N, C-alpha and C. Protein backbone atom coordinates (compact mmCIF):
# COMPACT_ATOMS: atom_id res chain seq x y z
N MET A 1 -2.30 -13.31 -1.98
CA MET A 1 -2.59 -12.27 -1.01
C MET A 1 -3.18 -11.08 -1.74
N LYS A 2 -4.23 -10.52 -1.19
CA LYS A 2 -4.82 -9.31 -1.75
C LYS A 2 -4.34 -8.12 -0.93
N ILE A 3 -3.75 -7.18 -1.64
CA ILE A 3 -3.14 -6.02 -1.01
C ILE A 3 -3.85 -4.76 -1.48
N VAL A 4 -4.16 -3.89 -0.54
CA VAL A 4 -4.61 -2.54 -0.88
C VAL A 4 -3.73 -1.58 -0.10
N GLY A 5 -3.71 -0.34 -0.52
CA GLY A 5 -2.91 0.62 0.21
C GLY A 5 -3.01 2.02 -0.31
N ILE A 6 -2.22 2.86 0.31
CA ILE A 6 -2.13 4.27 -0.07
C ILE A 6 -0.65 4.64 -0.18
N ALA A 7 -0.31 5.40 -1.20
CA ALA A 7 1.03 5.97 -1.34
C ALA A 7 0.89 7.48 -1.32
N ALA A 8 1.74 8.13 -0.51
CA ALA A 8 1.71 9.59 -0.42
C ALA A 8 3.04 10.09 0.12
N CYS A 9 3.66 11.02 -0.60
CA CYS A 9 4.93 11.59 -0.16
C CYS A 9 4.72 13.05 0.22
N THR A 10 5.76 13.67 0.74
CA THR A 10 5.64 15.04 1.22
C THR A 10 5.30 16.02 0.10
N ALA A 11 5.87 15.84 -1.07
CA ALA A 11 5.57 16.73 -2.20
C ALA A 11 4.32 16.29 -2.95
N GLY A 12 3.98 15.01 -2.82
CA GLY A 12 2.78 14.50 -3.48
C GLY A 12 2.95 14.29 -4.97
N ILE A 13 4.19 14.13 -5.40
CA ILE A 13 4.41 13.95 -6.84
C ILE A 13 5.21 12.66 -7.07
N ALA A 14 6.49 12.76 -7.25
CA ALA A 14 7.32 11.64 -7.73
C ALA A 14 7.27 10.40 -6.85
N HIS A 15 7.63 10.52 -5.58
CA HIS A 15 7.71 9.35 -4.72
C HIS A 15 6.36 8.68 -4.52
N THR A 16 5.29 9.45 -4.55
CA THR A 16 3.95 8.87 -4.43
C THR A 16 3.72 7.85 -5.54
N TYR A 17 3.99 8.26 -6.76
CA TYR A 17 3.72 7.40 -7.91
C TYR A 17 4.75 6.28 -8.05
N MET A 18 5.99 6.56 -7.67
CA MET A 18 7.01 5.50 -7.72
C MET A 18 6.69 4.41 -6.72
N ALA A 19 6.28 4.78 -5.51
CA ALA A 19 5.93 3.79 -4.49
C ALA A 19 4.75 2.95 -4.95
N ARG A 20 3.75 3.57 -5.53
CA ARG A 20 2.59 2.84 -6.04
C ARG A 20 3.01 1.81 -7.09
N GLU A 21 3.79 2.27 -8.04
CA GLU A 21 4.22 1.40 -9.15
C GLU A 21 5.07 0.24 -8.65
N LYS A 22 6.03 0.54 -7.77
CA LYS A 22 6.92 -0.51 -7.26
C LYS A 22 6.15 -1.56 -6.47
N LEU A 23 5.20 -1.13 -5.63
CA LEU A 23 4.41 -2.08 -4.85
C LEU A 23 3.55 -2.96 -5.75
N MET A 24 2.95 -2.36 -6.75
CA MET A 24 2.09 -3.13 -7.64
C MET A 24 2.90 -4.14 -8.47
N ARG A 25 4.05 -3.73 -8.95
CA ARG A 25 4.89 -4.66 -9.72
C ARG A 25 5.43 -5.79 -8.85
N ALA A 26 5.84 -5.47 -7.64
CA ALA A 26 6.36 -6.50 -6.73
C ALA A 26 5.25 -7.49 -6.38
N ALA A 27 4.06 -7.01 -6.15
CA ALA A 27 2.93 -7.89 -5.83
C ALA A 27 2.68 -8.84 -6.99
N GLU A 28 2.69 -8.30 -8.20
CA GLU A 28 2.46 -9.13 -9.38
C GLU A 28 3.54 -10.22 -9.50
N LYS A 29 4.80 -9.85 -9.28
CA LYS A 29 5.90 -10.82 -9.36
C LYS A 29 5.72 -11.96 -8.37
N LEU A 30 5.13 -11.65 -7.22
CA LEU A 30 4.94 -12.65 -6.17
C LEU A 30 3.61 -13.38 -6.29
N GLY A 31 2.84 -13.06 -7.32
CA GLY A 31 1.56 -13.72 -7.53
C GLY A 31 0.42 -13.16 -6.71
N HIS A 32 0.57 -11.95 -6.21
CA HIS A 32 -0.45 -11.29 -5.41
C HIS A 32 -1.17 -10.24 -6.26
N THR A 33 -2.27 -9.75 -5.75
CA THR A 33 -2.95 -8.63 -6.39
C THR A 33 -2.78 -7.40 -5.50
N ALA A 34 -2.65 -6.24 -6.12
CA ALA A 34 -2.48 -5.01 -5.36
C ALA A 34 -3.21 -3.86 -6.02
N ARG A 35 -3.90 -3.08 -5.20
CA ARG A 35 -4.52 -1.83 -5.65
C ARG A 35 -4.03 -0.76 -4.70
N ILE A 36 -3.33 0.22 -5.23
CA ILE A 36 -2.75 1.27 -4.40
C ILE A 36 -3.33 2.62 -4.81
N GLU A 37 -3.95 3.26 -3.86
CA GLU A 37 -4.50 4.60 -4.04
C GLU A 37 -3.37 5.61 -3.86
N THR A 38 -3.41 6.71 -4.60
CA THR A 38 -2.43 7.77 -4.38
C THR A 38 -3.14 8.99 -3.84
N GLN A 39 -2.44 9.66 -2.94
CA GLN A 39 -2.92 10.93 -2.41
C GLN A 39 -1.78 11.91 -2.59
N GLY A 40 -1.97 12.83 -3.54
CA GLY A 40 -0.90 13.76 -3.87
C GLY A 40 -1.41 15.16 -4.13
N THR A 41 -0.63 15.91 -4.87
CA THR A 41 -0.94 17.31 -5.12
C THR A 41 -2.22 17.48 -5.93
N ILE A 42 -2.61 16.46 -6.70
CA ILE A 42 -3.84 16.59 -7.49
C ILE A 42 -5.01 15.86 -6.84
N GLY A 43 -4.82 15.49 -5.57
CA GLY A 43 -5.90 14.85 -4.83
C GLY A 43 -5.77 13.34 -4.81
N ILE A 44 -6.89 12.67 -4.60
CA ILE A 44 -6.92 11.21 -4.51
C ILE A 44 -7.15 10.64 -5.90
N GLU A 45 -6.29 9.68 -6.27
CA GLU A 45 -6.44 8.96 -7.53
C GLU A 45 -6.50 7.47 -7.23
N ASN A 46 -7.18 6.73 -8.08
CA ASN A 46 -7.32 5.28 -7.91
C ASN A 46 -7.91 4.94 -6.55
N GLU A 47 -8.93 5.69 -6.15
CA GLU A 47 -9.52 5.52 -4.83
C GLU A 47 -10.01 4.09 -4.62
N LEU A 48 -9.68 3.55 -3.47
CA LEU A 48 -10.07 2.19 -3.12
C LEU A 48 -11.56 2.13 -2.82
N THR A 49 -12.18 1.03 -3.21
CA THR A 49 -13.60 0.85 -2.91
C THR A 49 -13.74 0.11 -1.59
N ALA A 50 -14.92 0.20 -1.01
CA ALA A 50 -15.20 -0.51 0.24
C ALA A 50 -15.04 -2.01 0.04
N GLN A 51 -15.43 -2.51 -1.11
CA GLN A 51 -15.31 -3.94 -1.38
C GLN A 51 -13.86 -4.38 -1.46
N GLU A 52 -13.02 -3.59 -2.14
CA GLU A 52 -11.60 -3.91 -2.24
C GLU A 52 -10.96 -3.96 -0.86
N ILE A 53 -11.32 -3.02 -0.02
CA ILE A 53 -10.77 -2.97 1.34
C ILE A 53 -11.26 -4.18 2.13
N ALA A 54 -12.53 -4.51 2.03
CA ALA A 54 -13.10 -5.64 2.77
C ALA A 54 -12.43 -6.96 2.38
N GLU A 55 -12.09 -7.11 1.11
CA GLU A 55 -11.50 -8.36 0.61
C GLU A 55 -10.00 -8.44 0.82
N ALA A 56 -9.37 -7.34 1.22
CA ALA A 56 -7.91 -7.29 1.35
C ALA A 56 -7.40 -8.08 2.55
N ASP A 57 -6.24 -8.71 2.35
CA ASP A 57 -5.56 -9.40 3.45
C ASP A 57 -4.71 -8.44 4.26
N VAL A 58 -4.25 -7.38 3.60
CA VAL A 58 -3.37 -6.42 4.26
C VAL A 58 -3.52 -5.05 3.60
N VAL A 59 -3.30 -4.01 4.41
CA VAL A 59 -3.30 -2.63 3.93
C VAL A 59 -1.88 -2.10 4.13
N ILE A 60 -1.29 -1.60 3.06
CA ILE A 60 0.05 -1.01 3.15
C ILE A 60 -0.09 0.50 2.98
N LEU A 61 0.36 1.22 3.98
CA LEU A 61 0.39 2.68 3.89
C LEU A 61 1.84 3.08 3.68
N ALA A 62 2.20 3.34 2.42
CA ALA A 62 3.55 3.79 2.07
C ALA A 62 3.47 5.31 2.02
N VAL A 63 3.61 5.92 3.18
CA VAL A 63 3.32 7.34 3.31
C VAL A 63 4.40 8.07 4.12
N ASP A 64 4.59 9.32 3.76
CA ASP A 64 5.51 10.20 4.48
C ASP A 64 4.75 11.35 5.13
N VAL A 65 3.45 11.40 4.91
CA VAL A 65 2.59 12.48 5.42
C VAL A 65 1.29 11.86 5.93
N LYS A 66 0.50 12.68 6.62
CA LYS A 66 -0.81 12.23 7.06
C LYS A 66 -1.71 12.10 5.83
N VAL A 67 -2.47 11.01 5.77
CA VAL A 67 -3.38 10.79 4.65
C VAL A 67 -4.81 10.79 5.14
N SER A 68 -5.72 11.02 4.24
CA SER A 68 -7.13 11.02 4.62
C SER A 68 -7.74 9.64 4.42
N GLY A 69 -8.73 9.35 5.21
CA GLY A 69 -9.50 8.12 5.04
C GLY A 69 -8.93 6.89 5.69
N GLU A 70 -8.04 7.04 6.66
CA GLU A 70 -7.47 5.86 7.31
C GLU A 70 -8.53 5.06 8.07
N GLY A 71 -9.59 5.71 8.48
CA GLY A 71 -10.66 5.03 9.21
C GLY A 71 -11.29 3.89 8.42
N ARG A 72 -11.16 3.94 7.08
CA ARG A 72 -11.70 2.88 6.23
C ARG A 72 -11.06 1.53 6.51
N PHE A 73 -9.88 1.53 7.13
CA PHE A 73 -9.12 0.31 7.32
C PHE A 73 -9.27 -0.29 8.71
N LYS A 74 -10.21 0.21 9.48
CA LYS A 74 -10.42 -0.30 10.84
C LYS A 74 -10.69 -1.80 10.79
N GLY A 75 -9.97 -2.54 11.64
CA GLY A 75 -10.13 -3.98 11.70
C GLY A 75 -9.26 -4.75 10.73
N LYS A 76 -8.53 -4.06 9.87
CA LYS A 76 -7.64 -4.71 8.90
C LYS A 76 -6.20 -4.69 9.42
N THR A 77 -5.39 -5.59 8.92
CA THR A 77 -3.96 -5.57 9.22
C THR A 77 -3.35 -4.43 8.41
N VAL A 78 -2.76 -3.45 9.11
CA VAL A 78 -2.19 -2.28 8.45
C VAL A 78 -0.68 -2.24 8.69
N VAL A 79 0.07 -2.08 7.61
CA VAL A 79 1.52 -1.94 7.68
C VAL A 79 1.87 -0.55 7.18
N ARG A 80 2.57 0.20 8.02
CA ARG A 80 2.94 1.58 7.66
C ARG A 80 4.45 1.65 7.43
N VAL A 81 4.82 2.12 6.25
CA VAL A 81 6.23 2.33 5.90
C VAL A 81 6.35 3.66 5.17
N GLY A 82 7.55 4.16 5.07
CA GLY A 82 7.79 5.35 4.27
C GLY A 82 7.83 5.01 2.80
N THR A 83 7.67 6.01 1.96
CA THR A 83 7.71 5.75 0.52
C THR A 83 9.08 5.20 0.10
N ALA A 84 10.14 5.64 0.77
CA ALA A 84 11.48 5.17 0.41
C ALA A 84 11.59 3.66 0.56
N ALA A 85 11.02 3.10 1.61
CA ALA A 85 11.08 1.65 1.82
C ALA A 85 10.33 0.92 0.71
N ALA A 86 9.20 1.46 0.30
CA ALA A 86 8.42 0.84 -0.77
C ALA A 86 9.13 0.93 -2.12
N ILE A 87 9.89 1.98 -2.32
CA ILE A 87 10.59 2.18 -3.58
C ILE A 87 11.88 1.36 -3.64
N LYS A 88 12.64 1.36 -2.55
CA LYS A 88 13.96 0.72 -2.57
C LYS A 88 13.90 -0.80 -2.61
N ASN A 89 13.01 -1.41 -1.84
CA ASN A 89 12.98 -2.87 -1.82
C ASN A 89 11.56 -3.39 -1.60
N PRO A 90 10.69 -3.20 -2.58
CA PRO A 90 9.30 -3.62 -2.41
C PRO A 90 9.13 -5.14 -2.30
N LEU A 91 9.97 -5.90 -3.00
CA LEU A 91 9.86 -7.36 -2.91
C LEU A 91 10.13 -7.84 -1.50
N GLU A 92 11.19 -7.36 -0.90
CA GLU A 92 11.54 -7.75 0.47
C GLU A 92 10.42 -7.34 1.43
N LEU A 93 9.88 -6.17 1.25
CA LEU A 93 8.79 -5.69 2.09
C LEU A 93 7.59 -6.63 2.01
N LEU A 94 7.20 -6.98 0.80
CA LEU A 94 6.03 -7.85 0.63
C LEU A 94 6.27 -9.26 1.14
N VAL A 95 7.48 -9.77 0.98
CA VAL A 95 7.80 -11.10 1.50
C VAL A 95 7.71 -11.09 3.03
N LYS A 96 8.22 -10.06 3.69
CA LYS A 96 8.14 -9.95 5.15
C LYS A 96 6.68 -9.89 5.60
N ILE A 97 5.88 -9.11 4.89
CA ILE A 97 4.45 -9.00 5.25
C ILE A 97 3.77 -10.34 5.07
N GLU A 98 4.05 -11.01 3.97
CA GLU A 98 3.44 -12.32 3.70
C GLU A 98 3.80 -13.33 4.79
N LYS A 99 5.07 -13.38 5.19
CA LYS A 99 5.50 -14.29 6.25
C LYS A 99 4.79 -13.99 7.56
N ALA A 100 4.67 -12.70 7.89
CA ALA A 100 4.00 -12.32 9.14
C ALA A 100 2.52 -12.71 9.12
N ILE A 101 1.87 -12.51 8.00
CA ILE A 101 0.45 -12.87 7.90
C ILE A 101 0.28 -14.39 7.98
N ASN A 102 1.12 -15.13 7.30
CA ASN A 102 1.05 -16.60 7.34
C ASN A 102 1.32 -17.14 8.74
N ALA A 103 2.22 -16.49 9.48
CA ALA A 103 2.54 -16.93 10.84
C ALA A 103 1.36 -16.71 11.78
N ASN A 104 0.54 -15.71 11.47
CA ASN A 104 -0.61 -15.39 12.34
C ASN A 104 -1.87 -16.15 11.99
N GLN A 105 -1.82 -16.98 10.97
CA GLN A 105 -3.03 -17.70 10.58
C GLN A 105 -3.12 -19.05 11.23
């Protein structure tokens, strides 16, 4: 499964980067690829490309605030969770998403 997403917390510092890291590590453990953009106090980092978005099976928005550029994901399967969910149990989150996508195919 190819995963792209955005991580952003209210302060734009710690939880943003923890959510990104946890999602990417969990994806790797499950044999998936993940690219997670961060939107925080220093702006957008690791910005997703149009090609990455087009090739993605799912978009995960691990966000606690409004983020910019959501229009890029029109027509994609989008899952929205808080950063806490992505940090506390990213493996369970990804397994649930994978099952839902497989059930819809």
